[in-house]
Amino acid sequence: MNMRTKIVIEVLEHYLKVSVGRKVAVEPLGNLEPRSISLALNSILKQNKCGKNLDVSVVLSRNKITVRRVDLPSQDLKEIEQMLGLYLIRQIPYHKEEVFWAYQNLGFDGVSNSHLILAVALKNVFKNIVSSFVPVNILPEPILMSSQGLVHYVTDAARNKVTLPVSYMILDIDISYSDLVLVHNQKLGSSVVIPQGAVQLKNPLEREKFNAELKQAIVALNNEIPEAHCEKLFLTGAASSQLVSLESILDADFNLEAQYLSTKEYDNFLSSGLKDISLSAVLGFNYQVAKDDLRFILPEIQIKKDMKLKLQQLMILGIGLIYVLIMLGGIALVRLGQQQSYAFNLKNRVISLGKNAKELEDITSKLKIARQYMDVKSSALTYLNGLNRLCPENIVITNYNWELGKAFTIRGYAQEIPDILDFTNTLSNSEIFKGAQNRYTRRRKLKDKDVIDFEIFIK
């Protein structure tokens, strides 16, 4: 079975970031129209020779998301979701129908509250992303928040180099904004967007604004999670050039030690000359997507996934039915072949037996003929012998007619009728001629003598 190619995509205002496996690519965008994004994405996929078996994740940039840390007095998931729905109406400056939202449960404090990270983004942001992927036939599975990708990125970059403390901060500088993240107990505790990025930091005035925004953000995060005592801040992305200037601010004002972290993949990317773009979130999610990472669930994508799953199930069912039909067809053909072979053999047997039967009929016919000669009672000689023995001198037999299985007829004459009657009675009382009857008598002249003709019938 082929492994799915892991792809992570992030869309910025002027660039498209994509990681394919452990490789990274950046493609410039003329605008944020779906067609422009589709063409750039298709170009990267073709360059990396990506097939159809893709595991696609989308990263939503932190500057497009409103994040709140929320404490709710409940541990029941259904109750928490209902409370978050009410919180959205009261605290978020958008209509509930205009946004998609997601949350991560950071755990129960052991007293009364569950700590949550709530993320809210406008629907049109997602609509633009989904529309961009339709032409390239890609269905993104999770839509993730970039801040959590930074946590995974630092975990990967620090492996075998730095021991990560229980609580620390991450400052990721991208081309047009920066993201300050507080990590507590290996989870995203909260996040603050700073509107200045690598491009703006090249301007001294914007640098001053950035420093002020950074100080306010650090104070806000420390106040939001007072139990997290951070002593270290990791710089990522395009922050390597800012390390020296930030070290003095962080150490003097917040007692934070600054350290820049990067991975081999990002170092290879920097050699291409694009040094103002951060790939931390993309590479972080390429390294790991945790089960409890915050995920936006879009109804359109969920419906398409369900339809895709049902289509796969129908295809499997269809293939199974076709296989069963083929098997049944094969069995039927085998049975039909066996029946035809049996019928053919049976026909040959009938023909063979027919020939034998004809021979038997001939033998039977011959036996019947032979039987009449072998049966003493029905033998012609027996009848002649009996007739000769029973016929008196005053009876003259002129003719007899006999066929096997039919009547026996005797013709003759006598001079007196009583003689004929006596002869008939004699025959009738015998075993051979039993049932003899005189059929007729008739007087006639024979050489000047009167004689009486007779015919005796024996059934």
Protein backbone atom coordinates (compact mmCIF):
# COMPACT_ATOMS: atom_id res chain seq x y z
CA MET A 1 0.00 0.00 0.00
CA ASN A 2 1.39 3.41 -1.03
CA MET A 3 2.02 5.90 1.75
CA ARG A 4 0.12 9.16 1.53
CA THR A 5 2.25 12.20 0.73
CA LYS A 6 1.94 14.72 3.55
CA ILE A 7 1.32 18.27 2.35
CA VAL A 8 0.91 21.38 4.52
CA ILE A 9 -0.28 24.65 2.93
CA GLU A 10 -0.38 28.23 4.24
CA VAL A 11 -1.62 31.23 2.26
CA LEU A 12 -0.19 34.71 2.94
CA GLU A 13 -1.09 37.99 1.25
CA HIS A 14 1.70 37.72 -1.33
CA TYR A 15 3.05 34.18 -0.98
CA LEU A 16 1.92 30.58 -0.93
CA LYS A 17 3.87 28.33 1.47
CA VAL A 18 3.84 24.58 0.92
CA SER A 19 5.71 21.69 2.49
CA VAL A 20 5.76 18.40 0.58
CA GLY A 21 7.17 15.73 2.85
CA ARG A 22 10.16 17.49 4.43
CA LYS A 23 10.70 19.74 1.43
CA VAL A 24 9.46 23.36 1.43
CA ALA A 25 8.49 25.64 -1.42
CA VAL A 26 7.26 29.23 -1.67
CA GLU A 27 5.40 30.58 -4.69
CA PRO A 28 4.60 34.32 -5.15
CA LEU A 29 0.92 35.30 -5.49
CA GLY A 30 -0.30 38.14 -7.69
CA ASN A 31 -3.48 38.35 -5.60
CA LEU A 32 -5.59 36.28 -3.22
CA GLU A 33 -8.14 35.23 -5.84
CA PRO A 34 -8.82 31.45 -5.85
CA ARG A 35 -7.52 31.14 -9.43
CA SER A 36 -4.17 32.71 -8.53
CA ILE A 37 -3.78 30.41 -5.50
CA SER A 38 -4.79 27.33 -7.55
CA LEU A 39 -2.20 28.06 -10.25
CA ALA A 40 0.58 28.56 -7.69
CA LEU A 41 -0.38 25.39 -5.80
CA ASN A 42 -0.63 23.34 -8.99
CA SER A 43 2.83 24.55 -10.02
CA ILE A 44 4.37 23.39 -6.71
CA LEU A 45 2.60 20.02 -6.84
CA LYS A 46 3.84 19.39 -10.40
CA GLN A 47 7.40 20.38 -9.50
CA ASN A 48 7.37 17.86 -6.65
CA LYS A 49 5.62 15.19 -8.78
CA CYS A 50 2.78 14.69 -6.30
CA GLY A 51 0.26 11.98 -7.08
CA LYS A 52 -3.35 11.70 -5.99
CA ASN A 53 -2.80 9.99 -2.64
CA LEU A 54 -2.28 13.16 -0.59
CA ASP A 55 -2.69 13.98 3.11
CA VAL A 56 -3.42 17.71 2.93
CA SER A 57 -3.47 20.07 5.91
CA VAL A 58 -4.14 23.81 5.73
CA VAL A 59 -2.61 26.32 8.12
CA LEU A 60 -4.61 29.46 8.83
CA SER A 61 -2.30 32.38 9.59
CA ARG A 62 -2.62 33.78 13.10
CA ASN A 63 -3.29 37.32 11.83
CA LYS A 64 -6.59 36.04 10.33
CA ILE A 65 -7.80 34.56 13.62
CA THR A 66 -9.17 36.08 16.82
CA VAL A 67 -7.94 34.11 19.85
CA ARG A 68 -9.31 34.21 23.38
CA ARG A 69 -8.37 32.25 26.48
CA VAL A 70 -11.62 31.31 28.21
CA ASP A 71 -12.29 29.79 31.63
CA LEU A 72 -15.66 28.01 31.99
CA PRO A 73 -17.14 26.42 35.16
CA SER A 74 -17.82 22.98 33.67
CA GLN A 75 -16.16 19.74 32.59
CA ASP A 76 -19.05 18.47 30.45
CA LEU A 77 -18.21 18.80 26.73
CA LYS A 78 -21.78 19.52 25.59
CA GLU A 79 -22.19 22.12 28.31
CA ILE A 80 -18.86 23.72 27.40
CA GLU A 81 -19.88 24.04 23.74
CA GLN A 82 -23.19 25.66 24.72
CA MET A 83 -21.36 28.15 26.96
CA LEU A 84 -18.87 28.94 24.17
CA GLY A 85 -21.79 29.66 21.83
CA LEU A 86 -23.10 32.25 24.31
CA TYR A 87 -19.57 33.64 24.81
CA LEU A 88 -19.24 34.16 21.06
CA ILE A 89 -22.42 36.24 20.94
CA ARG A 90 -21.33 38.47 23.83
CA GLN A 91 -17.55 38.83 23.41
CA ILE A 92 -16.66 38.48 19.69
CA PRO A 93 -17.23 41.57 17.48
CA TYR A 94 -18.88 39.53 14.69
CA HIS A 95 -22.26 37.95 14.15
CA LYS A 96 -22.22 34.27 14.96
CA GLU A 97 -23.43 33.47 11.43
CA GLU A 98 -20.37 35.23 9.94
CA VAL A 99 -17.72 33.08 11.64
CA PHE A 100 -16.39 29.57 12.13
CA TRP A 101 -14.95 28.75 15.52
CA ALA A 102 -12.96 26.00 17.19
CA TYR A 103 -11.51 25.42 20.62
CA GLN A 104 -8.95 23.35 22.48
CA ASN A 105 -9.57 22.13 26.01
CA LEU A 106 -6.38 22.71 28.02
CA GLY A 107 -7.71 20.81 31.03
CA PHE A 108 -9.50 21.28 34.35
CA ASP A 109 -7.85 23.37 37.05
CA GLY A 110 -8.93 20.92 39.77
CA VAL A 111 -11.19 23.47 41.47
CA SER A 112 -14.00 24.79 39.31
CA ASN A 113 -12.94 25.82 35.79
CA SER A 114 -11.90 24.28 32.49
CA HIS A 115 -9.25 26.30 30.61
CA LEU A 116 -9.93 26.69 26.89
CA ILE A 117 -8.35 28.32 23.83
CA LEU A 118 -11.07 29.71 21.56
CA ALA A 119 -10.23 30.60 17.94
CA VAL A 120 -12.62 32.51 15.66
CA ALA A 121 -12.23 33.33 11.95
CA LEU A 122 -14.50 34.86 9.31
CA LYS A 123 -16.26 32.45 6.95
CA ASN A 124 -15.07 34.24 3.81
CA VAL A 125 -11.46 33.35 4.71
CA PHE A 126 -12.31 29.65 4.58
CA LYS A 127 -14.49 30.05 1.51
CA ASN A 128 -11.55 31.52 -0.38
CA ILE A 129 -9.29 28.61 0.68
CA VAL A 130 -11.80 25.89 -0.24
CA SER A 131 -12.51 27.54 -3.62
CA SER A 132 -8.78 27.61 -4.34
CA PHE A 133 -8.40 23.84 -3.87
CA VAL A 134 -11.36 22.76 -6.02
CA PRO A 135 -9.56 23.20 -9.41
CA VAL A 136 -6.62 21.05 -8.28
CA ASN A 137 -8.97 18.40 -6.85
CA ILE A 138 -7.65 18.64 -3.29
CA LEU A 139 -9.76 18.19 -0.20
CA PRO A 140 -8.00 19.62 2.88
CA GLU A 141 -8.65 17.49 5.93
CA PRO A 142 -7.69 19.57 9.00
CA ILE A 143 -7.60 23.39 8.97
CA LEU A 144 -5.16 24.33 11.73
CA MET A 145 -4.01 27.49 13.52
CA SER A 146 -0.45 28.57 12.78
CA SER A 147 0.37 29.29 16.45
CA GLN A 148 0.17 25.59 17.30
CA GLY A 149 2.44 24.81 14.37
CA LEU A 150 5.08 27.04 16.06
CA VAL A 151 4.93 24.85 19.18
CA HIS A 152 5.58 21.71 17.09
CA TYR A 153 8.33 23.49 15.16
CA VAL A 154 10.22 24.50 18.33
CA THR A 155 9.84 20.94 19.68
CA ASP A 156 11.41 19.59 16.47
CA ALA A 157 14.14 22.26 16.28
CA ALA A 158 15.12 21.84 19.95
CA ARG A 159 15.45 18.06 19.72
CA ASN A 160 18.93 16.93 20.77
CA LYS A 161 19.93 20.61 21.16
CA VAL A 162 17.96 22.31 23.92
CA THR A 163 15.94 21.07 26.87
CA LEU A 164 12.58 22.78 26.73
CA PRO A 165 11.32 24.21 30.06
CA VAL A 166 7.76 23.71 31.35
CA SER A 167 6.82 27.26 30.31
CA TYR A 168 8.41 29.38 27.58
CA MET A 169 7.55 31.87 24.85
CA ILE A 170 7.98 31.79 21.07
CA LEU A 171 8.32 34.85 18.85
CA ASP A 172 7.90 34.01 15.19
CA ILE A 173 8.51 36.86 12.73
CA ASP A 174 6.92 36.43 9.30
CA ILE A 175 7.03 38.78 6.33
CA SER A 176 4.03 40.93 7.33
CA TYR A 177 3.26 40.12 11.00
CA SER A 178 4.68 38.46 14.10
CA ASP A 179 3.16 35.92 16.47
CA LEU A 180 4.03 35.80 20.19
CA VAL A 181 3.07 32.46 21.77
CA LEU A 182 3.13 31.35 25.41
CA VAL A 183 3.62 27.59 25.86
CA HIS A 184 2.66 26.07 29.22
CA ASN A 185 2.93 22.34 29.99
CA GLN A 186 3.87 21.60 26.33
CA LYS A 187 0.57 23.11 25.13
CA LEU A 188 -0.36 26.41 23.54
CA GLY A 189 -1.41 28.63 26.45
CA SER A 190 -2.26 31.76 24.46
CA SER A 191 -1.12 33.84 21.51
CA VAL A 192 -0.89 37.53 20.56
CA VAL A 193 -0.48 39.01 17.06
CA ILE A 194 2.00 41.84 16.54
CA PRO A 195 1.17 43.74 13.32
CA GLN A 196 4.82 44.34 12.31
CA GLY A 197 6.71 41.71 10.35
CA ALA A 198 10.16 41.38 8.74
CA VAL A 199 9.42 43.98 6.06
CA GLN A 200 8.17 46.58 8.56
CA LEU A 201 11.15 46.01 10.90
CA LYS A 202 13.46 47.41 8.25
CA ASN A 203 11.90 50.80 9.01
CA PRO A 204 13.21 52.41 12.28
CA LEU A 205 9.83 53.88 13.16
CA GLU A 206 8.09 50.56 12.69
CA ARG A 207 10.82 48.90 14.78
CA GLU A 208 9.98 51.18 17.68
CA LYS A 209 6.29 50.32 17.32
CA PHE A 210 7.22 46.65 17.22
CA ASN A 211 9.23 46.91 20.45
CA ALA A 212 6.31 48.62 22.19
CA GLU A 213 3.82 46.05 20.89
CA LEU A 214 6.12 43.21 21.97
CA LYS A 215 6.39 44.53 25.52
CA GLN A 216 2.62 44.91 25.80
CA ALA A 217 2.10 41.40 24.40
CA ILE A 218 4.50 39.82 26.90
CA VAL A 219 2.78 41.60 29.78
CA ALA A 220 -0.63 40.51 28.51
CA LEU A 221 0.39 36.85 28.22
CA ASN A 222 1.99 36.85 31.68
CA ASN A 223 -1.20 38.30 33.14
CA GLU A 224 -3.36 35.82 31.25
CA ILE A 225 -1.46 32.80 32.61
CA PRO A 226 0.11 33.96 35.89
CA GLU A 227 1.17 30.44 36.91
CA ALA A 228 3.49 30.23 33.89
CA HIS A 229 6.86 31.69 34.89
CA CYS A 230 8.69 32.02 31.59
CA GLU A 231 12.44 32.50 31.60
CA LYS A 232 13.13 31.74 27.97
CA LEU A 233 11.90 33.09 24.62
CA PHE A 234 12.71 31.24 21.39
CA LEU A 235 12.95 33.22 18.17
CA THR A 236 11.92 31.53 14.92
CA GLY A 237 11.31 32.37 11.27
CA ALA A 238 12.77 35.67 10.05
CA ALA A 239 13.81 36.69 13.61
CA SER A 240 17.50 35.73 13.36
CA SER A 241 18.47 39.27 12.30
CA GLN A 242 16.57 40.70 15.30
CA LEU A 243 18.25 38.54 17.93
CA VAL A 244 20.83 41.11 19.07
CA SER A 245 18.39 44.01 19.36
CA LEU A 246 15.78 41.91 21.17
CA GLU A 247 18.14 40.35 23.69
CA SER A 248 18.67 43.61 25.58
CA ILE A 249 14.94 44.43 25.72
CA LEU A 250 13.93 40.94 26.86
CA ASP A 251 16.66 40.59 29.44
CA ALA A 252 16.34 44.07 30.95
CA ASP A 253 12.54 44.36 31.08
CA PHE A 254 11.36 40.75 31.49
CA ASN A 255 14.38 38.71 32.53
CA LEU A 256 13.88 36.51 29.46
CA GLU A 257 16.76 34.71 27.75
CA ALA A 258 16.45 34.85 23.94
CA GLN A 259 17.60 32.03 21.65
CA TYR A 260 17.11 31.51 17.92
CA LEU A 261 16.03 28.04 16.75
CA SER A 262 15.79 26.66 13.22
CA THR A 263 15.69 23.33 11.45
CA LYS A 264 17.79 21.95 8.62
CA GLU A 265 14.88 22.35 6.19
CA TYR A 266 14.49 26.06 7.00
CA ASP A 267 18.24 26.66 6.78
CA ASN A 268 18.22 25.10 3.30
CA PHE A 269 15.33 27.38 2.34
CA LEU A 270 17.20 30.50 3.53
CA SER A 271 19.97 29.68 1.07
CA SER A 272 17.50 30.44 -1.75
CA GLY A 273 17.61 34.13 -0.75
CA LEU A 274 14.07 34.56 0.68
CA LYS A 275 15.02 35.54 4.23
CA ASP A 276 11.89 37.50 5.26
CA ILE A 277 9.45 34.57 5.15
CA SER A 278 8.80 32.24 8.08
CA LEU A 279 8.03 28.59 7.40
CA SER A 280 7.86 27.64 11.08
CA ALA A 281 4.14 26.78 11.21
CA VAL A 282 4.22 24.81 7.94
CA LEU A 283 7.28 22.80 8.98
CA GLY A 284 5.90 22.37 12.50
CA PHE A 285 2.70 20.73 11.29
CA ASN A 286 4.69 18.70 8.81
CA TYR A 287 6.64 17.35 11.78
CA GLN A 288 3.54 16.65 13.89
CA VAL A 289 -0.20 17.23 14.10
CA ALA A 290 -1.34 16.41 17.64
CA LYS A 291 -4.72 14.79 18.30
CA ASP A 292 -5.84 17.67 20.51
CA ASP A 293 -4.66 20.44 18.15
CA LEU A 294 -7.30 23.05 17.50
CA ARG A 295 -9.10 22.27 14.20
CA PHE A 296 -11.69 24.20 12.24
CA ILE A 297 -14.42 21.95 10.87
CA LEU A 298 -16.11 23.35 7.77
CA PRO A 299 -19.53 21.92 6.85
CA GLU A 300 -18.63 21.98 3.13
CA ILE A 301 -15.47 19.96 3.69
CA GLN A 302 -17.19 17.62 6.13
CA ILE A 303 -19.97 16.96 3.62
CA LYS A 304 -17.43 16.29 0.86
CA LYS A 305 -15.47 13.98 3.15
CA ASP A 306 -18.66 12.10 4.07
CA MET A 307 -19.61 11.85 0.40
CA LYS A 308 -16.12 10.65 -0.48
CA LEU A 309 -16.27 8.07 2.29
CA LYS A 310 -19.72 6.89 1.18
CA LEU A 311 -18.51 6.76 -2.43
CA GLN A 312 -15.59 4.59 -1.34
CA GLN A 313 -17.96 2.37 0.62
CA LEU A 314 -20.27 2.12 -2.41
CA MET A 315 -17.30 1.29 -4.63
CA ILE A 316 -16.19 -1.41 -2.22
CA LEU A 317 -19.77 -2.72 -2.05
CA GLY A 318 -20.06 -2.56 -5.85
CA ILE A 319 -16.76 -4.39 -6.33
CA GLY A 320 -17.89 -6.96 -3.77
CA LEU A 321 -21.21 -7.46 -5.59
CA ILE A 322 -19.45 -7.72 -8.95
CA TYR A 323 -17.08 -10.30 -7.47
CA VAL A 324 -20.03 -12.27 -6.05
CA LEU A 325 -21.86 -12.06 -9.41
CA ILE A 326 -18.74 -13.21 -11.24
CA MET A 327 -18.39 -16.11 -8.82
CA LEU A 328 -22.08 -17.01 -9.19
CA GLY A 329 -21.77 -16.67 -12.98
CA GLY A 330 -18.71 -18.91 -12.93
CA ILE A 331 -20.51 -21.49 -10.80
CA ALA A 332 -23.55 -21.30 -13.11
CA LEU A 333 -21.34 -21.79 -16.19
CA VAL A 334 -19.63 -24.76 -14.57
CA ARG A 335 -23.02 -26.22 -13.62
CA LEU A 336 -24.33 -25.58 -17.14
CA GLY A 337 -21.25 -27.23 -18.64
CA GLN A 338 -21.73 -30.21 -16.33
CA GLN A 339 -25.42 -30.45 -17.25
CA GLN A 340 -24.67 -30.23 -20.97
CA SER A 341 -21.97 -32.88 -20.59
CA TYR A 342 -24.37 -35.08 -18.61
CA ALA A 343 -27.13 -34.56 -21.20
CA PHE A 344 -24.71 -35.42 -24.02
CA ASN A 345 -23.57 -38.58 -22.23
CA LEU A 346 -27.18 -39.46 -21.45
CA LYS A 347 -28.14 -39.02 -25.10
CA ASN A 348 -25.29 -41.28 -26.17
CA ARG A 349 -26.41 -43.83 -23.57
CA VAL A 350 -29.98 -43.66 -24.91
CA ILE A 351 -28.74 -44.21 -28.47
CA SER A 352 -26.55 -47.09 -27.31
CA LEU A 353 -29.38 -48.60 -25.27
CA GLY A 354 -31.74 -48.10 -28.23
CA LYS A 355 -29.50 -50.28 -30.38
CA ASN A 356 -29.37 -52.90 -27.64
CA ALA A 357 -33.15 -52.65 -27.19
CA LYS A 358 -33.72 -53.31 -30.92
CA GLU A 359 -31.60 -56.40 -30.66
CA LEU A 360 -33.62 -57.45 -27.60
CA GLU A 361 -36.89 -56.90 -29.49
CA ASP A 362 -35.64 -59.13 -32.32
CA ILE A 363 -34.67 -61.79 -29.78
CA THR A 364 -38.07 -61.46 -28.05
CA SER A 365 -39.89 -61.84 -31.34
CA LYS A 366 -37.89 -64.94 -32.15
CA LEU A 367 -38.57 -66.34 -28.69
CA LYS A 368 -42.30 -65.82 -29.18
CA ILE A 369 -42.12 -67.74 -32.43
CA ALA A 370 -40.08 -70.45 -30.79
CA ARG A 371 -42.41 -70.58 -27.78
CA GLN A 372 -45.36 -71.71 -29.86
CA TYR A 373 -43.41 -74.68 -30.96
CA MET A 374 -42.04 -75.39 -27.54
CA ASP A 375 -45.46 -75.22 -25.75
CA VAL A 376 -47.01 -78.65 -26.01
CA LYS A 377 -50.55 -77.39 -25.31
CA SER A 378 -50.51 -74.78 -28.04
CA SER A 379 -48.63 -76.90 -30.57
CA ALA A 380 -50.29 -77.68 -33.95
CA LEU A 381 -49.17 -81.29 -33.65
CA THR A 382 -50.97 -81.55 -30.32
CA TYR A 383 -54.20 -80.36 -31.95
CA LEU A 384 -53.85 -82.76 -34.90
CA ASN A 385 -53.05 -85.67 -32.64
CA GLY A 386 -56.05 -84.93 -30.43
CA LEU A 387 -58.35 -84.51 -33.42
CA ASN A 388 -57.19 -87.79 -34.92
CA ARG A 389 -57.73 -89.54 -31.63
CA LEU A 390 -61.28 -88.16 -31.02
CA CYS A 391 -62.66 -88.24 -34.55
CA PRO A 392 -65.05 -91.30 -35.10
CA GLU A 393 -65.31 -93.21 -38.41
CA ASN A 394 -68.67 -91.68 -39.29
CA ILE A 395 -67.18 -88.15 -39.37
CA VAL A 396 -65.12 -86.97 -42.33
CA ILE A 397 -62.92 -83.91 -41.80
CA THR A 398 -62.27 -82.00 -44.98
CA ASN A 399 -60.59 -78.85 -43.61
CA TYR A 400 -59.29 -77.27 -40.45
CA ASN A 401 -58.00 -73.78 -39.92
CA TRP A 402 -55.88 -72.66 -36.93
CA GLU A 403 -53.67 -69.66 -36.09
CA LEU A 404 -51.75 -69.30 -32.81
CA GLY A 405 -53.72 -67.23 -30.36
CA LYS A 406 -56.88 -67.29 -32.56
CA ALA A 407 -59.95 -69.61 -33.02
CA PHE A 408 -59.66 -73.21 -34.31
CA THR A 409 -62.15 -74.14 -37.02
CA ILE A 410 -62.99 -77.68 -38.21
CA ARG A 411 -65.05 -78.39 -41.37
CA GLY A 412 -66.30 -81.73 -42.60
CA TYR A 413 -69.43 -83.83 -43.24
CA ALA A 414 -71.39 -86.76 -41.89
CA GLN A 415 -74.45 -88.72 -42.95
CA GLU A 416 -76.49 -87.98 -39.83
CA ILE A 417 -76.93 -84.91 -37.70
CA PRO A 418 -76.78 -86.85 -34.40
CA ASP A 419 -73.31 -88.03 -35.41
CA ILE A 420 -72.25 -84.41 -35.79
CA LEU A 421 -73.71 -83.48 -32.41
CA ASP A 422 -72.03 -86.41 -30.70
CA PHE A 423 -68.69 -85.44 -32.25
CA THR A 424 -69.16 -81.85 -31.08
CA ASN A 425 -69.90 -82.98 -27.51
CA THR A 426 -66.88 -85.28 -27.56
CA LEU A 427 -64.62 -82.42 -28.61
CA SER A 428 -66.14 -80.04 -26.05
CA ASN A 429 -65.55 -82.50 -23.22
CA SER A 430 -61.90 -82.93 -24.12
CA GLU A 431 -59.09 -80.86 -22.54
CA ILE A 432 -57.71 -79.64 -25.86
CA PHE A 433 -60.95 -78.71 -27.66
CA LYS A 434 -62.87 -77.58 -24.60
CA GLY A 435 -65.71 -75.19 -25.50
CA ALA A 436 -66.21 -76.53 -29.05
CA GLN A 437 -69.48 -75.36 -30.68
CA ASN A 438 -71.30 -76.37 -33.84
CA ARG A 439 -71.59 -73.21 -35.91
CA TYR A 440 -73.82 -74.58 -38.72
CA THR A 441 -75.00 -77.70 -40.59
CA ARG A 442 -76.10 -77.91 -44.21
CA ARG A 443 -77.40 -80.82 -46.27
CA ARG A 444 -76.02 -81.54 -49.78
CA LYS A 445 -75.62 -84.34 -52.37
CA LEU A 446 -72.36 -86.22 -52.64
CA LYS A 447 -72.22 -89.01 -55.31
CA ASP A 448 -75.91 -89.74 -55.10
CA LYS A 449 -75.76 -89.69 -51.32
CA ASP A 450 -77.13 -87.14 -48.91
CA VAL A 451 -74.46 -85.78 -46.56
CA ILE A 452 -74.54 -82.99 -43.98
CA ASP A 453 -71.72 -80.40 -43.95
CA PHE A 454 -70.77 -78.91 -40.62
CA GLU A 455 -68.41 -76.36 -39.13
CA ILE A 456 -67.23 -76.63 -35.52
CA PHE A 457 -65.77 -73.50 -33.90
CA ILE A 458 -63.36 -73.66 -30.97
CA LYS A 459 -62.28 -70.42 -29.20
